[in-house]
């Protein structure tokens, strides 16, 4: 029997990507609203409540409103929700939609009614850091720094227009200089940290792609773990994953476009054994494993379908 999926906000960057990914699938019936009805509360409420699963591709406040439109609010009704906004990523009653995050996370997603899709930047940070904190190799209170650069499509339609229609000529810019980015609680809580990292995001002149890295001084960490210990811990965490892999070897360079256009994420441990300095590196697509691809993966898991259906490997 086909699963009915309503995409609320199918005209935004993530919504369009998800809609295109689901087009043509015979195991799903996809519902969207025409332009003249998509802001009509009654039409949205009807579509939300008629769906088996709704995917919210909305600003945070609109996502909260959509949840309230489900009959009975968060405690009633039957519609299951995947929220692609940041409104519920650390909220009580919501399951974090990163199946590879920890043992049993996929099963928790499968059983949940309310699933919050991860942010693109936190996906890379958590993939690198959560297994190391869980294994005790990085203390929960360690002062971490996270540097990450995204393609401009991560900023939605306005940033795409800015870069593609002559609004800016820059090749690279940093932002969030007040160090209060909305992704910080998500990175802290789901990595099991006592405080968030210093997060230094940037945007580059490319449409899709993302590269994040975390520098670590291994000799200063309790127990002074080796590069091999760090790499082995990450490899063990993702050994059964199709989408997340740990690349071995010593590359001369890592390119931000490495996984652009796919739903893969590649992790690397690069460093100097003598100094004990290491750079933990993740590459992914900000609209793939960082957004639309992750939502489709969660949808598949919640619907009891092939988790990789519709994904780009």
Protein backbone atom coordinates (compact mmCIF):
# COMPACT_ATOMS: atom_id res chain seq x y z
CA UNK A 1 0.00 0.00 0.00
CA UNK A 2 1.33 3.43 -0.95
CA UNK A 3 2.36 5.83 1.82
CA UNK A 4 0.89 9.33 1.49
CA UNK A 5 3.50 12.05 1.97
CA UNK A 6 2.67 15.75 2.22
CA UNK A 7 5.53 18.19 1.63
CA UNK A 8 4.67 21.42 3.44
CA UNK A 9 6.89 24.06 1.88
CA UNK A 10 7.62 22.34 -1.41
CA UNK A 11 8.65 25.62 -3.10
CA UNK A 12 11.83 26.20 -1.07
CA UNK A 13 15.26 24.82 -1.91
CA UNK A 14 15.00 21.75 0.33
CA UNK A 15 11.34 21.17 -0.50
CA UNK A 16 12.00 21.24 -4.24
CA UNK A 17 14.90 18.84 -3.82
CA UNK A 18 12.78 16.39 -1.81
CA UNK A 19 9.85 16.66 -4.23
CA UNK A 20 12.13 15.91 -7.19
CA UNK A 21 13.67 12.94 -5.36
CA UNK A 22 10.26 11.43 -4.64
CA UNK A 23 8.83 12.00 -8.12
CA UNK A 24 8.05 8.75 -9.89
CA UNK A 25 8.23 6.51 -6.83
CA UNK A 26 5.40 3.97 -6.85
CA UNK A 27 5.64 3.20 -3.13
CA UNK A 28 4.71 6.78 -2.18
CA UNK A 29 1.89 9.18 -3.01
CA UNK A 30 3.28 12.72 -2.81
CA UNK A 31 0.96 15.65 -2.05
CA UNK A 32 1.80 19.34 -2.39
CA UNK A 33 -0.40 22.44 -2.41
CA UNK A 34 -0.76 24.87 -5.30
CA UNK A 35 0.61 28.37 -4.80
CA UNK A 36 -2.84 29.82 -4.08
CA UNK A 37 -3.46 27.30 -1.26
CA UNK A 38 -0.07 26.67 0.33
CA UNK A 39 -0.48 29.53 2.85
CA UNK A 40 -4.14 28.73 3.55
CA UNK A 41 -4.28 27.36 7.12
CA UNK A 42 -7.33 25.19 6.49
CA UNK A 43 -5.87 23.68 3.31
CA UNK A 44 -2.59 22.98 5.08
CA UNK A 45 -4.36 21.48 8.09
CA UNK A 46 -6.35 19.17 5.81
CA UNK A 47 -3.27 18.05 3.90
CA UNK A 48 -1.26 17.57 7.09
CA UNK A 49 -3.94 15.47 8.75
CA UNK A 50 -4.68 13.39 5.66
CA UNK A 51 -1.03 12.39 5.22
CA UNK A 52 0.68 9.36 6.68
CA UNK A 53 3.91 11.35 6.91
CA UNK A 54 4.41 15.11 6.49
CA UNK A 55 7.78 16.69 5.69
CA UNK A 56 8.07 20.28 6.87
CA UNK A 57 10.38 22.40 4.70
CA UNK A 58 9.57 25.67 6.43
CA UNK A 59 11.07 28.44 8.56
CA UNK A 60 11.17 27.55 12.26
CA UNK A 61 8.04 29.40 13.34
CA UNK A 62 6.00 28.08 10.42
CA UNK A 63 7.16 24.56 11.30
CA UNK A 64 5.88 25.00 14.85
CA UNK A 65 2.58 26.22 13.45
CA UNK A 66 2.36 23.18 11.17
CA UNK A 67 2.81 20.82 14.11
CA UNK A 68 0.00 22.64 15.90
CA UNK A 69 -2.24 22.15 12.86
CA UNK A 70 -2.07 18.39 13.22
CA UNK A 71 -5.28 17.30 14.91
CA UNK A 72 -4.79 17.09 18.67
CA UNK A 73 -1.43 18.87 18.49
CA UNK A 74 1.73 16.99 19.40
CA UNK A 75 -0.17 14.52 21.63
CA UNK A 76 -2.90 13.48 19.23
CA UNK A 77 -3.69 12.61 15.64
CA UNK A 78 -1.91 10.04 13.53
CA UNK A 79 0.23 11.98 11.05
CA UNK A 80 3.95 11.47 11.53
CA UNK A 81 6.25 14.41 10.91
CA UNK A 82 9.77 14.99 9.63
CA UNK A 83 10.77 18.57 10.38
CA UNK A 84 13.57 19.87 8.15
CA UNK A 85 13.74 23.18 10.05
CA UNK A 86 15.80 23.76 13.19
CA UNK A 87 12.69 24.25 15.36
CA UNK A 88 12.70 20.85 17.06
CA UNK A 89 16.26 19.53 16.87
CA UNK A 90 16.76 19.62 20.63
CA UNK A 91 13.07 19.56 21.62
CA UNK A 92 11.56 17.03 24.00
CA UNK A 93 9.45 14.41 22.29
CA UNK A 94 11.41 14.55 19.02
CA UNK A 95 13.86 11.97 17.69
CA UNK A 96 16.99 13.25 16.01
CA UNK A 97 16.96 12.09 12.38
CA UNK A 98 20.58 11.00 11.94
CA UNK A 99 20.36 7.18 11.64
CA UNK A 100 24.14 6.70 11.80
CA UNK A 101 24.58 8.88 14.90
CA UNK A 102 24.59 6.08 17.46
CA UNK A 103 23.72 2.38 17.79
CA UNK A 104 19.96 1.94 17.63
CA UNK A 105 19.27 5.42 16.23
CA UNK A 106 17.72 4.04 13.05
CA UNK A 107 15.37 1.88 15.11
CA UNK A 108 14.39 4.90 17.20
CA UNK A 109 13.58 6.85 14.04
CA UNK A 110 11.50 3.96 12.71
CA UNK A 111 9.37 3.94 15.86
CA UNK A 112 8.99 7.71 16.25
CA UNK A 113 6.12 9.94 15.30
CA UNK A 114 8.13 13.18 15.40
CA UNK A 115 11.57 13.26 13.75
CA UNK A 116 13.77 16.34 13.40
CA UNK A 117 16.04 16.38 10.37
CA UNK A 118 19.64 17.37 11.26
CA UNK A 119 21.25 20.58 10.05
CA UNK A 120 23.93 20.27 7.37
CA UNK A 121 26.76 21.68 9.50
CA UNK A 122 25.87 19.60 12.59
CA UNK A 123 25.74 16.44 10.44
CA UNK A 124 29.45 16.73 9.66
CA UNK A 125 30.39 17.79 13.19
CA UNK A 126 28.43 15.02 14.87
CA UNK A 127 29.65 12.35 12.47
CA UNK A 128 33.21 13.19 13.47
CA UNK A 129 32.79 13.98 17.15
CA UNK A 130 29.95 11.89 18.59
CA UNK A 131 31.75 8.51 18.31
CA UNK A 132 34.92 9.95 19.88
CA UNK A 133 33.04 11.41 22.84
CA UNK A 134 31.07 8.19 23.23
CA UNK A 135 34.32 6.19 23.28
CA UNK A 136 35.87 8.53 25.87
CA UNK A 137 38.67 9.68 23.54
CA UNK A 138 37.49 13.31 23.70
CA UNK A 139 36.22 14.63 27.06
CA UNK A 140 32.72 16.06 27.15
CA UNK A 141 34.09 19.43 28.29
CA UNK A 142 36.96 19.68 25.80
CA UNK A 143 37.23 23.13 24.09
CA UNK A 144 36.49 22.24 20.46
CA UNK A 145 36.73 24.34 17.32
CA UNK A 146 34.70 23.50 14.22
CA UNK A 147 35.48 25.15 10.87
CA UNK A 148 33.06 24.48 8.01
CA UNK A 149 32.31 25.79 4.54
CA UNK A 150 29.13 25.25 2.52
CA UNK A 151 27.99 25.83 -1.00
CA UNK A 152 25.67 28.80 -1.34
CA UNK A 153 22.57 26.67 -1.98
CA UNK A 154 22.59 26.06 1.78
CA UNK A 155 21.39 29.64 2.20
CA UNK A 156 18.19 29.05 0.23
CA UNK A 157 16.69 31.00 -2.65
CA UNK A 158 17.90 34.42 -1.51
CA UNK A 159 21.55 33.36 -1.27
CA UNK A 160 21.36 31.43 -4.54
CA UNK A 161 20.07 34.59 -6.23
CA UNK A 162 22.78 36.67 -4.58
CA UNK A 163 25.58 34.48 -5.94
CA UNK A 164 24.06 33.64 -9.32
CA UNK A 165 22.50 36.99 -10.25
CA UNK A 166 25.37 39.34 -9.52
CA UNK A 167 24.57 40.29 -5.93
CA UNK A 168 28.11 39.46 -4.83
CA UNK A 169 31.45 38.77 -6.50
CA UNK A 170 33.08 37.18 -3.48
CA UNK A 171 34.68 33.75 -3.71
CA UNK A 172 34.52 33.03 0.02
CA UNK A 173 33.15 34.71 3.11
CA UNK A 174 32.83 33.93 6.80
CA UNK A 175 29.77 34.77 8.87
CA UNK A 176 28.05 34.17 12.25
CA UNK A 177 30.78 36.30 13.80
CA UNK A 178 28.84 36.79 17.04
CA UNK A 179 29.35 33.06 17.72
CA UNK A 180 25.67 32.48 18.42
CA UNK A 181 24.69 30.29 15.45
CA UNK A 182 21.39 28.44 15.84
CA UNK A 183 23.10 25.08 15.21
CA UNK A 184 25.16 25.29 18.42
CA UNK A 185 22.65 23.62 20.80
CA UNK A 186 22.19 20.80 18.29
CA UNK A 187 25.92 20.12 18.06
CA UNK A 188 26.35 20.29 21.84
CA UNK A 189 23.44 18.09 22.83
CA UNK A 190 23.75 15.34 20.24
CA UNK A 191 27.52 15.03 20.66
CA UNK A 192 27.06 14.74 24.43
CA UNK A 193 29.12 17.85 25.17
CA UNK A 194 28.78 20.15 28.17
CA UNK A 195 29.22 23.26 26.01
CA UNK A 196 29.13 23.95 22.26
CA UNK A 197 32.21 24.23 20.03
CA UNK A 198 33.57 27.47 18.67
CA UNK A 199 31.82 27.32 15.31
CA UNK A 200 33.34 29.16 12.34
CA UNK A 201 31.05 28.76 9.29
CA UNK A 202 31.73 30.09 5.80
CA UNK A 203 30.15 30.06 2.36
CA UNK A 204 32.02 29.55 -0.91
CA UNK A 205 31.21 30.31 -4.54
CA UNK A 206 29.93 26.87 -5.45
CA UNK A 207 26.33 25.72 -5.58
CA UNK A 208 26.61 22.45 -3.67
CA UNK A 209 29.17 20.83 -1.41
CA UNK A 210 30.37 21.07 2.16
CA UNK A 211 33.60 20.53 4.06
CA UNK A 212 33.90 20.58 7.84
CA UNK A 213 36.92 20.01 10.03
CA UNK A 214 37.80 19.79 13.71
CA UNK A 215 41.45 20.23 14.78
CA UNK A 216 42.59 18.26 17.81
CA UNK A 217 45.87 18.21 19.78
CA UNK A 218 45.94 14.52 20.65
CA UNK A 219 48.88 14.68 23.07
CA UNK A 220 46.96 17.17 25.22
CA UNK A 221 43.87 14.96 25.44
CA UNK A 222 43.52 12.68 28.49
CA UNK A 223 45.11 9.37 27.56
CA UNK A 224 46.80 10.94 24.51
CA UNK A 225 45.01 8.81 21.90
CA UNK A 226 46.89 8.06 18.70
CA UNK A 227 45.84 8.88 15.16
CA UNK A 228 45.20 5.17 14.67
CA UNK A 229 42.88 5.03 17.69
CA UNK A 230 40.87 7.98 16.38
CA UNK A 231 40.58 6.50 12.89
CA UNK A 232 39.76 3.00 14.17
CA UNK A 233 37.02 4.38 16.42
CA UNK A 234 35.39 6.26 13.55
CA UNK A 235 35.76 3.28 11.19
CA UNK A 236 34.09 0.99 13.74
CA UNK A 237 31.22 3.45 14.21
CA UNK A 238 30.38 3.47 10.49
CA UNK A 239 31.50 0.01 9.33
CA UNK A 240 27.90 -1.02 8.58
CA UNK A 241 26.89 2.24 6.90
CA UNK A 242 26.42 2.60 3.16
CA UNK A 243 26.32 6.39 3.22
CA UNK A 244 29.02 7.30 5.77
CA UNK A 245 32.55 6.01 5.23
CA UNK A 246 36.00 6.60 6.68
CA UNK A 247 38.72 7.00 4.06
CA UNK A 248 42.20 5.85 5.01
CA UNK A 249 45.46 7.10 3.58
CA UNK A 250 47.23 10.44 3.51
CA UNK A 251 45.73 12.68 0.81
CA UNK A 252 47.59 15.73 -0.43
CA UNK A 253 44.33 17.69 -0.41
CA UNK A 254 40.59 17.28 0.19
CA UNK A 255 38.11 19.08 -2.04
CA UNK A 256 34.81 20.56 -0.89
CA UNK A 257 33.08 19.19 -4.01
CA UNK A 258 34.10 15.59 -3.22
CA UNK A 259 30.57 14.39 -2.42
CA UNK A 260 28.57 17.14 -4.12
CA UNK A 261 25.54 15.77 -5.93
CA UNK A 262 25.40 12.61 -3.78
CA UNK A 263 24.07 11.52 -0.40
CA UNK A 264 27.41 10.20 0.77
CA UNK A 265 29.59 11.56 3.56
CA UNK A 266 33.32 10.82 3.76
CA UNK A 267 35.33 11.19 6.97
CA UNK A 268 39.11 11.44 7.27
CA UNK A 269 41.69 11.55 10.04
CA UNK A 270 44.71 13.52 8.83
CA UNK A 271 47.59 14.49 11.06
CA UNK A 272 51.15 14.37 12.26
CA UNK A 273 52.10 11.51 14.57
CA UNK A 274 55.12 13.37 15.94
CA UNK A 275 53.26 16.50 17.01
CA UNK A 276 50.04 14.65 17.77
CA UNK A 277 48.05 17.26 15.86
CA UNK A 278 45.13 15.96 13.84
CA UNK A 279 42.50 17.39 11.50
CA UNK A 280 39.20 15.51 11.46
CA UNK A 281 37.59 16.17 8.07
CA UNK A 282 34.12 15.50 6.67
CA UNK A 283 32.83 16.10 3.15
CA UNK A 284 29.18 15.90 2.12
CA UNK A 285 26.58 17.68 0.02
CA UNK A 286 24.75 20.40 1.95
CA UNK A 287 21.52 19.49 0.10
CA UNK A 288 22.19 15.73 0.15
CA UNK A 289 23.15 14.08 3.41
CA UNK A 290 22.92 17.59 4.84
CA UNK A 291 19.24 18.20 3.97
CA UNK A 292 16.98 16.59 1.34
CA UNK A 293 18.82 13.28 1.19
CA UNK A 294 18.64 12.95 4.96
CA UNK A 295 14.90 13.67 4.92
CA UNK A 296 14.28 11.01 2.28
CA UNK A 297 16.37 8.52 4.25
CA UNK A 298 14.31 9.25 7.38
CA UNK A 299 11.08 8.98 5.38
CA UNK A 300 12.11 5.56 4.08
CA UNK A 301 12.97 4.35 7.57
CA UNK A 302 9.72 5.64 9.09
CA UNK A 303 7.66 4.09 6.29
CA UNK A 304 9.38 0.72 6.57
CA UNK A 305 10.85 0.99 3.06
CA UNK A 306 14.36 0.45 1.72
CA UNK A 307 16.38 3.11 3.63
CA UNK A 308 18.38 3.89 0.49
CA UNK A 309 15.44 4.25 -1.90
CA UNK A 310 15.71 7.47 -3.89
CA UNK A 311 19.17 8.29 -2.58
CA UNK A 312 22.20 9.06 -4.73
CA UNK A 313 25.07 6.75 -3.90
